[in-house]
Amino acid sequence: MKKRLIVNADDLGRTAGINQGVFEAHRRGVVTSATMMVNYPAALDVPALSAASPDMSIGLHLALTGGVTALPAERVRTLVDDRGLLPPKPDGLRGADAGEVLAEARAQLARFREIMKRDPSHFDSHHHSHREVPAVLDALVTLARETNLPVRAASRAVSERLKREGIATTDRFVEEFFDNTVTVEVLLRIVEEVEGTTELMCHPAVVDDELRSTSSYAEPRTRELQVLTDPRIRDAAFRAGVQLIPFVGL
């Protein structure tokens, strides 16, 4: 069995510092893919950055938690609070209307296409909303059917659903490279344990004031960038026969 690793950086487009870190982790390190949040101003900078790094795939990071919606708030009342803001975590989506979830997902896909002038390479979700909330998974399944694009296998149950639906996904999904486990040793082990086509989630960034003020996970992203660009990681992948690939051709 071929050993292939997709290293996907979440949250592209959220801040300028995240954009800088993601593309640096691609140019100098092992990041091969990213997923973009389209409802933040920094997303508008991604096309020019992507043009300089055409080998990195860019998918849609469906954001139904944190921040604002792509649609006017009055059209998605069950998704937002009185200020028009999305809930901070997926638990806040459990009472959301499924039709509004799908409408917002479609709007974010439309905005991705408007910004990037192309389809995303694949879909996943902020805070793993499609793992936590059935209506979000249903929405991504619908988009995947309509576009014939892959979806992140965020759990065994999600993977099984995607396979039943005939939607492309990876053989494995690894999320342990996070916070206290962001070390060279952990990443070397992950590389050595790659089986089939594996996706590794990461969050590199050059931490800026906007990120510090809006995210509970900020400073560790600097360490992620350092580890992901450590030359020992790419060398280990080569020795282990692991091919680093973008999120395409599954």
C-alpha atoms as a PDB file:
ATOM      1  CA  MET A   1       0.000   0.000   0.000  1.00  0.00           C
ATOM      2  CA  LYS A   2       1.256   3.459  -0.909  1.00  0.00           C
ATOM      3  CA  LYS A   3       2.032   5.732   1.994  1.00  0.00           C
ATOM      4  CA  ARG A   4       0.792   9.252   1.304  1.00  0.00           C
ATOM      5  CA  LEU A   5       0.503  12.165   3.728  1.00  0.00           C
ATOM      6  CA  ILE A   6      -1.585  15.314   3.351  1.00  0.00           C
ATOM      7  CA  VAL A   7      -0.510  17.979   5.844  1.00  0.00           C
ATOM      8  CA  ASN A   8      -3.471  20.379   5.952  1.00  0.00           C
ATOM      9  CA  ALA A   9      -3.250  23.786   7.631  1.00  0.00           C
ATOM     10  CA  ASP A  10      -6.637  24.900   8.935  1.00  0.00           C
ATOM     11  CA  ASP A  11      -7.851  28.516   9.302  1.00  0.00           C
ATOM     12  CA  LEU A  12      -6.216  30.037   6.214  1.00  0.00           C
ATOM     13  CA  GLY A  13      -7.721  33.459   5.589  1.00  0.00           C
ATOM     14  CA  ARG A  14      -8.535  34.198   9.222  1.00  0.00           C
ATOM     15  CA  THR A  15      -5.698  36.697   9.803  1.00  0.00           C
ATOM     16  CA  ALA A  16      -2.732  38.010   7.869  1.00  0.00           C
ATOM     17  CA  GLY A  17      -0.399  36.241  10.299  1.00  0.00           C
ATOM     18  CA  ILE A  18      -2.092  32.907   9.706  1.00  0.00           C
ATOM     19  CA  ASN A  19      -1.773  33.420   5.958  1.00  0.00           C
ATOM     20  CA  GLN A  20       1.918  34.175   6.363  1.00  0.00           C
ATOM     21  CA  GLY A  21       2.516  31.145   8.553  1.00  0.00           C
ATOM     22  CA  VAL A  22       0.595  28.716   6.355  1.00  0.00           C
ATOM     23  CA  PHE A  23       2.421  29.658   3.186  1.00  0.00           C
ATOM     24  CA  GLU A  24       5.782  29.702   4.960  1.00  0.00           C
ATOM     25  CA  ALA A  25       5.051  26.200   6.295  1.00  0.00           C
ATOM     26  CA  HIS A  26       4.369  25.155   2.718  1.00  0.00           C
ATOM     27  CA  ARG A  27       7.408  26.786   1.141  1.00  0.00           C
ATOM     28  CA  ARG A  28       9.923  25.776   3.802  1.00  0.00           C
ATOM     29  CA  GLY A  29       8.220  22.792   5.389  1.00  0.00           C
ATOM     30  CA  VAL A  30       5.803  19.930   4.908  1.00  0.00           C
ATOM     31  CA  VAL A  31       2.406  21.613   4.634  1.00  0.00           C
ATOM     32  CA  THR A  32       0.834  20.497   1.368  1.00  0.00           C
ATOM     33  CA  SER A  33      -2.712  21.789   1.714  1.00  0.00           C
ATOM     34  CA  ALA A  34      -4.860  24.314   3.555  1.00  0.00           C
ATOM     35  CA  THR A  35      -8.505  25.098   4.162  1.00  0.00           C
ATOM     36  CA  MET A  36      -9.727  28.672   4.001  1.00  0.00           C
ATOM     37  CA  MET A  37     -12.235  30.584   6.116  1.00  0.00           C
ATOM     38  CA  VAL A  38     -13.952  32.929   3.690  1.00  0.00           C
ATOM     39  CA  ASN A  39     -15.749  35.341   6.058  1.00  0.00           C
ATOM     40  CA  TYR A  40     -12.650  37.258   7.190  1.00  0.00           C
ATOM     41  CA  PRO A  41     -10.974  40.173   5.353  1.00  0.00           C
ATOM     42  CA  ALA A  42      -7.611  38.361   5.216  1.00  0.00           C
ATOM     43  CA  ALA A  43      -9.179  35.775   2.894  1.00  0.00           C
ATOM     44  CA  LEU A  44      -8.950  38.352   0.120  1.00  0.00           C
ATOM     45  CA  ASP A  45      -5.145  38.134   0.277  1.00  0.00           C
ATOM     46  CA  VAL A  46      -5.089  34.385  -0.379  1.00  0.00           C
ATOM     47  CA  PRO A  47      -5.359  34.385  -4.205  1.00  0.00           C
ATOM     48  CA  ALA A  48      -2.091  36.283  -4.655  1.00  0.00           C
ATOM     49  CA  LEU A  49      -0.344  34.112  -2.072  1.00  0.00           C
ATOM     50  CA  SER A  50      -1.717  30.977  -3.705  1.00  0.00           C
ATOM     51  CA  ALA A  51      -0.543  32.062  -7.142  1.00  0.00           C
ATOM     52  CA  ALA A  52       3.015  32.040  -5.802  1.00  0.00           C
ATOM     53  CA  SER A  53       2.527  28.533  -4.327  1.00  0.00           C
ATOM     54  CA  PRO A  54       0.447  26.673  -6.924  1.00  0.00           C
ATOM     55  CA  ASP A  55       1.314  23.212  -5.614  1.00  0.00           C
ATOM     56  CA  MET A  56      -0.597  23.728  -2.359  1.00  0.00           C
ATOM     57  CA  SER A  57      -4.251  22.700  -2.525  1.00  0.00           C
ATOM     58  CA  ILE A  58      -6.804  24.986  -0.892  1.00  0.00           C
ATOM     59  CA  GLY A  59     -10.154  23.756   0.368  1.00  0.00           C
ATOM     60  CA  LEU A  60     -13.100  25.332   2.164  1.00  0.00           C
ATOM     61  CA  HIS A  61     -12.970  25.458   5.964  1.00  0.00           C
ATOM     62  CA  LEU A  62     -16.701  25.739   6.588  1.00  0.00           C
ATOM     63  CA  ALA A  63     -17.001  28.150   9.519  1.00  0.00           C
ATOM     64  CA  LEU A  64     -20.276  27.900  11.417  1.00  0.00           C
ATOM     65  CA  THR A  65     -18.651  28.749  14.754  1.00  0.00           C
ATOM     66  CA  GLY A  66     -16.972  32.029  15.616  1.00  0.00           C
ATOM     67  CA  GLY A  67     -17.280  35.247  13.655  1.00  0.00           C
ATOM     68  CA  VAL A  68     -20.017  36.213  11.224  1.00  0.00           C
ATOM     69  CA  THR A  69     -21.976  34.506   8.470  1.00  0.00           C
ATOM     70  CA  ALA A  70     -21.686  34.923   4.724  1.00  0.00           C
ATOM     71  CA  LEU A  71     -25.451  35.365   4.476  1.00  0.00           C
ATOM     72  CA  PRO A  72     -27.262  38.281   6.133  1.00  0.00           C
ATOM     73  CA  ALA A  73     -28.000  37.373   9.742  1.00  0.00           C
ATOM     74  CA  GLU A  74     -31.752  37.691   9.236  1.00  0.00           C
ATOM     75  CA  ARG A  75     -31.614  34.774   6.772  1.00  0.00           C
ATOM     76  CA  VAL A  76     -29.930  32.413   9.241  1.00  0.00           C
ATOM     77  CA  ARG A  77     -31.522  33.358  12.554  1.00  0.00           C
ATOM     78  CA  THR A  78     -31.070  29.899  14.101  1.00  0.00           C
ATOM     79  CA  LEU A  79     -27.298  30.082  13.536  1.00  0.00           C
ATOM     80  CA  VAL A  80     -26.585  33.426  15.178  1.00  0.00           C
ATOM     81  CA  ASP A  81     -27.154  35.304  18.414  1.00  0.00           C
ATOM     82  CA  ASP A  82     -28.769  38.724  18.888  1.00  0.00           C
ATOM     83  CA  ARG A  83     -25.571  40.393  17.664  1.00  0.00           C
ATOM     84  CA  GLY A  84     -25.513  38.325  14.480  1.00  0.00           C
ATOM     85  CA  LEU A  85     -22.549  36.252  15.639  1.00  0.00           C
ATOM     86  CA  LEU A  86     -22.098  32.507  15.217  1.00  0.00           C
ATOM     87  CA  PRO A  87     -21.759  30.395  18.382  1.00  0.00           C
ATOM     88  CA  PRO A  88     -18.226  29.936  19.743  1.00  0.00           C
ATOM     89  CA  LYS A  89     -18.414  26.115  19.661  1.00  0.00           C
ATOM     90  CA  PRO A  90     -20.403  23.443  17.779  1.00  0.00           C
ATOM     91  CA  ASP A  91     -22.700  22.803  20.742  1.00  0.00           C
ATOM     92  CA  GLY A  92     -24.361  26.090  19.887  1.00  0.00           C
ATOM     93  CA  LEU A  93     -25.448  24.697  16.520  1.00  0.00           C
ATOM     94  CA  ARG A  94     -27.479  21.785  17.831  1.00  0.00           C
ATOM     95  CA  GLY A  95     -30.755  23.682  17.562  1.00  0.00           C
ATOM     96  CA  ALA A  96     -29.961  25.177  14.157  1.00  0.00           C
ATOM     97  CA  ASP A  97     -32.358  24.723  11.266  1.00  0.00           C
ATOM     98  CA  ALA A  98     -30.893  22.265   8.749  1.00  0.00           C
ATOM     99  CA  GLY A  99     -32.049  24.401   5.831  1.00  0.00           C
ATOM    100  CA  GLU A 100     -30.234  27.430   7.225  1.00  0.00           C
ATOM    101  CA  VAL A 101     -27.078  25.381   7.791  1.00  0.00           C
ATOM    102  CA  LEU A 102     -27.115  24.267   4.152  1.00  0.00           C
ATOM    103  CA  ALA A 103     -27.863  27.781   2.934  1.00  0.00           C
ATOM    104  CA  GLU A 104     -24.887  29.202   4.829  1.00  0.00           C
ATOM    105  CA  ALA A 105     -22.651  26.372   3.602  1.00  0.00           C
ATOM    106  CA  ARG A 106     -23.684  27.144   0.028  1.00  0.00           C
ATOM    107  CA  ALA A 107     -23.013  30.844   0.594  1.00  0.00           C
ATOM    108  CA  GLN A 108     -19.516  30.144   1.906  1.00  0.00           C
ATOM    109  CA  LEU A 109     -18.798  27.920  -1.097  1.00  0.00           C
ATOM    110  CA  ALA A 110     -20.012  30.706  -3.376  1.00  0.00           C
ATOM    111  CA  ARG A 111     -17.757  33.191  -1.604  1.00  0.00           C
ATOM    112  CA  PHE A 112     -14.795  30.802  -1.937  1.00  0.00           C
ATOM    113  CA  ARG A 113     -15.432  30.629  -5.682  1.00  0.00           C
ATOM    114  CA  GLU A 114     -15.751  34.407  -5.871  1.00  0.00           C
ATOM    115  CA  ILE A 115     -12.451  34.921  -4.066  1.00  0.00           C
ATOM    116  CA  MET A 116     -10.396  32.125  -5.605  1.00  0.00           C
ATOM    117  CA  LYS A 117     -12.048  31.920  -9.060  1.00  0.00           C
ATOM    118  CA  ARG A 118     -12.155  28.149  -8.743  1.00  0.00           C
ATOM    119  CA  ASP A 119     -13.652  25.352  -6.686  1.00  0.00           C
ATOM    120  CA  PRO A 120     -12.040  24.299  -3.401  1.00  0.00           C
ATOM    121  CA  SER A 121      -9.964  21.136  -3.409  1.00  0.00           C
ATOM    122  CA  HIS A 122     -12.038  19.645  -0.559  1.00  0.00           C
ATOM    123  CA  PHE A 123     -14.209  20.427   2.465  1.00  0.00           C
ATOM    124  CA  ASP A 124     -13.747  20.365   6.226  1.00  0.00           C
ATOM    125  CA  SER A 125     -15.183  22.428   9.087  1.00  0.00           C
ATOM    126  CA  HIS A 126     -14.057  24.765  11.833  1.00  0.00           C
ATOM    127  CA  HIS A 127     -14.036  23.071  15.256  1.00  0.00           C
ATOM    128  CA  HIS A 128     -15.000  19.827  13.491  1.00  0.00           C
ATOM    129  CA  SER A 129     -18.614  20.949  13.311  1.00  0.00           C
ATOM    130  CA  HIS A 130     -19.402  18.243  10.763  1.00  0.00           C
ATOM    131  CA  ARG A 131     -18.266  15.649  13.300  1.00  0.00           C
ATOM    132  CA  GLU A 132     -20.303  17.150  16.131  1.00  0.00           C
ATOM    133  CA  VAL A 133     -23.547  18.271  14.485  1.00  0.00           C
ATOM    134  CA  PRO A 134     -25.509  16.036  12.068  1.00  0.00           C
ATOM    135  CA  ALA A 135     -26.968  18.971  10.121  1.00  0.00           C
ATOM    136  CA  VAL A 136     -23.460  20.226   9.304  1.00  0.00           C
ATOM    137  CA  LEU A 137     -22.364  16.806   8.065  1.00  0.00           C
ATOM    138  CA  ASP A 138     -25.532  16.613   5.977  1.00  0.00           C
ATOM    139  CA  ALA A 139     -24.692  19.985   4.430  1.00  0.00           C
ATOM    140  CA  LEU A 140     -21.136  18.958   3.542  1.00  0.00           C
ATOM    141  CA  VAL A 141     -22.380  15.670   2.116  1.00  0.00           C
ATOM    142  CA  THR A 142     -24.747  17.654  -0.099  1.00  0.00           C
ATOM    143  CA  LEU A 143     -21.977  19.982  -1.285  1.00  0.00           C
ATOM    144  CA  ALA A 144     -19.651  17.048  -1.898  1.00  0.00           C
ATOM    145  CA  ARG A 145     -22.257  15.263  -3.991  1.00  0.00           C
ATOM    146  CA  GLU A 146     -22.855  18.389  -6.059  1.00  0.00           C
ATOM    147  CA  THR A 147     -19.161  19.123  -6.625  1.00  0.00           C
ATOM    148  CA  ASN A 148     -17.644  15.622  -6.526  1.00  0.00           C
ATOM    149  CA  LEU A 149     -15.100  16.867  -3.992  1.00  0.00           C
ATOM    150  CA  PRO A 150     -13.614  15.085  -0.930  1.00  0.00           C
ATOM    151  CA  VAL A 151     -14.521  15.722   2.709  1.00  0.00           C
ATOM    152  CA  ARG A 152     -12.332  15.362   5.807  1.00  0.00           C
ATOM    153  CA  ALA A 153     -12.800  12.043   7.634  1.00  0.00           C
ATOM    154  CA  ALA A 154     -12.987  13.767  11.013  1.00  0.00           C
ATOM    155  CA  SER A 155     -14.045  10.594  12.849  1.00  0.00           C
ATOM    156  CA  ARG A 156     -14.757   6.938  12.193  1.00  0.00           C
ATOM    157  CA  ALA A 157     -18.491   7.662  11.977  1.00  0.00           C
ATOM    158  CA  VAL A 158     -17.918  10.499   9.497  1.00  0.00           C
ATOM    159  CA  SER A 159     -15.624   8.287   7.425  1.00  0.00           C
ATOM    160  CA  GLU A 160     -18.228   5.521   7.310  1.00  0.00           C
ATOM    161  CA  ARG A 161     -20.939   7.966   6.236  1.00  0.00           C
ATOM    162  CA  LEU A 162     -18.750   9.394   3.480  1.00  0.00           C
ATOM    163  CA  LYS A 163     -17.916   5.938   2.168  1.00  0.00           C
ATOM    164  CA  ARG A 164     -21.602   4.955   2.135  1.00  0.00           C
ATOM    165  CA  GLU A 165     -22.340   8.089   0.151  1.00  0.00           C
ATOM    166  CA  GLY A 166     -19.507   7.425  -2.302  1.00  0.00           C
ATOM    167  CA  ILE A 167     -17.671  10.595  -1.275  1.00  0.00           C
ATOM    168  CA  ALA A 168     -13.888  10.606  -1.472  1.00  0.00           C
ATOM    169  CA  THR A 169     -11.935  10.911   1.753  1.00  0.00           C
ATOM    170  CA  THR A 170      -8.645   9.785   3.266  1.00  0.00           C
ATOM    171  CA  ASP A 171      -7.953   6.435   4.899  1.00  0.00           C
ATOM    172  CA  ARG A 172      -6.967   8.080   8.174  1.00  0.00           C
ATOM    173  CA  PHE A 173      -7.236  11.457   9.900  1.00  0.00           C
ATOM    174  CA  VAL A 174      -4.718  12.521  12.550  1.00  0.00           C
ATOM    175  CA  GLU A 175      -5.423  15.457  14.882  1.00  0.00           C
ATOM    176  CA  GLU A 176      -2.999  14.866  17.741  1.00  0.00           C
ATOM    177  CA  PHE A 177      -0.463  17.460  16.502  1.00  0.00           C
ATOM    178  CA  PHE A 178      -1.957  20.192  18.673  1.00  0.00           C
ATOM    179  CA  ASP A 179      -0.980  22.321  21.679  1.00  0.00           C
ATOM    180  CA  ASN A 180       1.200  20.274  24.072  1.00  0.00           C
ATOM    181  CA  THR A 181       1.857  17.558  21.475  1.00  0.00           C
ATOM    182  CA  VAL A 182       3.428  19.983  19.009  1.00  0.00           C
ATOM    183  CA  THR A 183       6.971  18.620  19.072  1.00  0.00           C
ATOM    184  CA  VAL A 184       9.436  17.318  16.515  1.00  0.00           C
ATOM    185  CA  GLU A 185       9.315  13.918  18.206  1.00  0.00           C
ATOM    186  CA  VAL A 186       5.532  13.625  17.890  1.00  0.00           C
ATOM    187  CA  LEU A 187       5.554  14.706  14.258  1.00  0.00           C
ATOM    188  CA  LEU A 188       8.357  12.269  13.417  1.00  0.00           C
ATOM    189  CA  ARG A 189       6.308   9.458  14.926  1.00  0.00           C
ATOM    190  CA  ILE A 190       3.200  10.494  12.995  1.00  0.00           C
ATOM    191  CA  VAL A 191       5.190  10.428   9.757  1.00  0.00           C
ATOM    192  CA  GLU A 192       6.612   7.003  10.542  1.00  0.00           C
ATOM    193  CA  GLU A 193       3.106   5.636  11.275  1.00  0.00           C
ATOM    194  CA  VAL A 194       1.472   6.826   8.034  1.00  0.00           C
ATOM    195  CA  GLU A 195      -0.760   4.188   6.464  1.00  0.00           C
ATOM    196  CA  GLY A 196      -2.503   4.521   3.113  1.00  0.00           C
ATOM    197  CA  THR A 197      -3.547   8.121   2.533  1.00  0.00           C
ATOM    198  CA  THR A 198      -3.448  10.010   5.824  1.00  0.00           C
ATOM    199  CA  GLU A 199      -4.463  13.595   6.580  1.00  0.00           C
ATOM    200  CA  LEU A 200      -2.699  15.469   9.370  1.00  0.00           C
ATOM    201  CA  MET A 201      -4.372  18.619  10.678  1.00  0.00           C
ATOM    202  CA  CYS A 202      -2.201  21.544  11.758  1.00  0.00           C
ATOM    203  CA  HIS A 203      -2.470  25.280  12.545  1.00  0.00           C
ATOM    204  CA  PRO A 204       0.778  27.147  11.760  1.00  0.00           C
ATOM    205  CA  ALA A 205       0.846  30.936  12.003  1.00  0.00           C
ATOM    206  CA  VAL A 206       2.913  34.005  12.576  1.00  0.00           C
ATOM    207  CA  VAL A 207       0.869  35.070  15.575  1.00  0.00           C
ATOM    208  CA  ASP A 208      -0.536  38.587  15.238  1.00  0.00           C
ATOM    209  CA  ASP A 209      -2.620  40.788  17.515  1.00  0.00           C
ATOM    210  CA  GLU A 210      -5.857  39.915  15.725  1.00  0.00           C
ATOM    211  CA  LEU A 211      -5.316  36.213  16.363  1.00  0.00           C
ATOM    212  CA  ARG A 212      -4.364  36.795  20.002  1.00  0.00           C
ATOM    213  CA  SER A 213      -7.549  38.766  20.583  1.00  0.00           C
ATOM    214  CA  THR A 214      -9.937  36.369  18.859  1.00  0.00           C
ATOM    215  CA  SER A 215      -8.619  32.837  19.465  1.00  0.00           C
ATOM    216  CA  SER A 216      -7.929  30.725  22.531  1.00  0.00           C
ATOM    217  CA  TYR A 217      -5.350  28.855  20.444  1.00  0.00           C
ATOM    218  CA  ALA A 218      -2.799  31.443  19.402  1.00  0.00           C
ATOM    219  CA  GLU A 219       0.759  31.224  20.760  1.00  0.00           C
ATOM    220  CA  PRO A 220       1.174  27.461  20.126  1.00  0.00           C
ATOM    221  CA  ARG A 221       0.789  28.163  16.414  1.00  0.00           C
ATOM    222  CA  THR A 222       4.277  29.689  16.425  1.00  0.00           C
ATOM    223  CA  ARG A 223       5.647  26.379  17.680  1.00  0.00           C
ATOM    224  CA  GLU A 224       3.671  24.528  15.023  1.00  0.00           C
ATOM    225  CA  LEU A 225       5.348  26.646  12.350  1.00  0.00           C
ATOM    226  CA  GLN A 226       8.768  25.885  13.786  1.00  0.00           C
ATOM    227  CA  VAL A 227       8.175  22.123  13.897  1.00  0.00           C
ATOM    228  CA  LEU A 228       6.530  21.913  10.473  1.00  0.00           C
ATOM    229  CA  THR A 229       9.548  23.640   8.897  1.00  0.00           C
ATOM    230  CA  ASP A 230      12.138  21.545  10.721  1.00  0.00           C
ATOM    231  CA  PRO A 231      14.182  19.790   7.979  1.00  0.00           C
ATOM    232  CA  ARG A 232      14.174  16.531   9.957  1.00  0.00           C
ATOM    233  CA  ILE A 233      10.484  16.045   9.159  1.00  0.00           C
ATOM    234  CA  ARG A 234      10.872  16.033   5.396  1.00  0.00           C
ATOM    235  CA  ASP A 235      13.950  13.837   5.685  1.00  0.00           C
ATOM    236  CA  ALA A 236      11.990  11.356   7.815  1.00  0.00           C
ATOM    237  CA  ALA A 237       9.175  11.241   5.260  1.00  0.00           C
ATOM    238  CA  PHE A 238      11.675  10.463   2.504  1.00  0.00           C
ATOM    239  CA  ARG A 239      13.339   7.693   4.506  1.00  0.00           C
ATOM    240  CA  ALA A 240       9.950   6.175   5.398  1.00  0.00           C
ATOM    241  CA  GLY A 241       8.781   6.195   1.790  1.00  0.00           C
ATOM    242  CA  VAL A 242       5.991   8.660   2.601  1.00  0.00           C
ATOM    243  CA  GLN A 243       4.851  10.843  -0.298  1.00  0.00           C
ATOM    244  CA  LEU A 244       3.759  14.340   0.716  1.00  0.00           C
ATOM    245  CA  ILE A 245       0.727  15.230  -1.418  1.00  0.00           C
ATOM    246  CA  PRO A 246      -1.943  17.932  -1.705  1.00  0.00           C
ATOM    247  CA  PHE A 247      -5.629  17.130  -1.114  1.00  0.00           C
ATOM    248  CA  VAL A 248      -6.316  15.961  -4.660  1.00  0.00           C
ATOM    249  CA  GLY A 249      -6.597  12.706  -6.551  1.00  0.00           C
ATOM    250  CA  LEU A 250      -8.017  10.580  -3.720  1.00  0.00           C
END
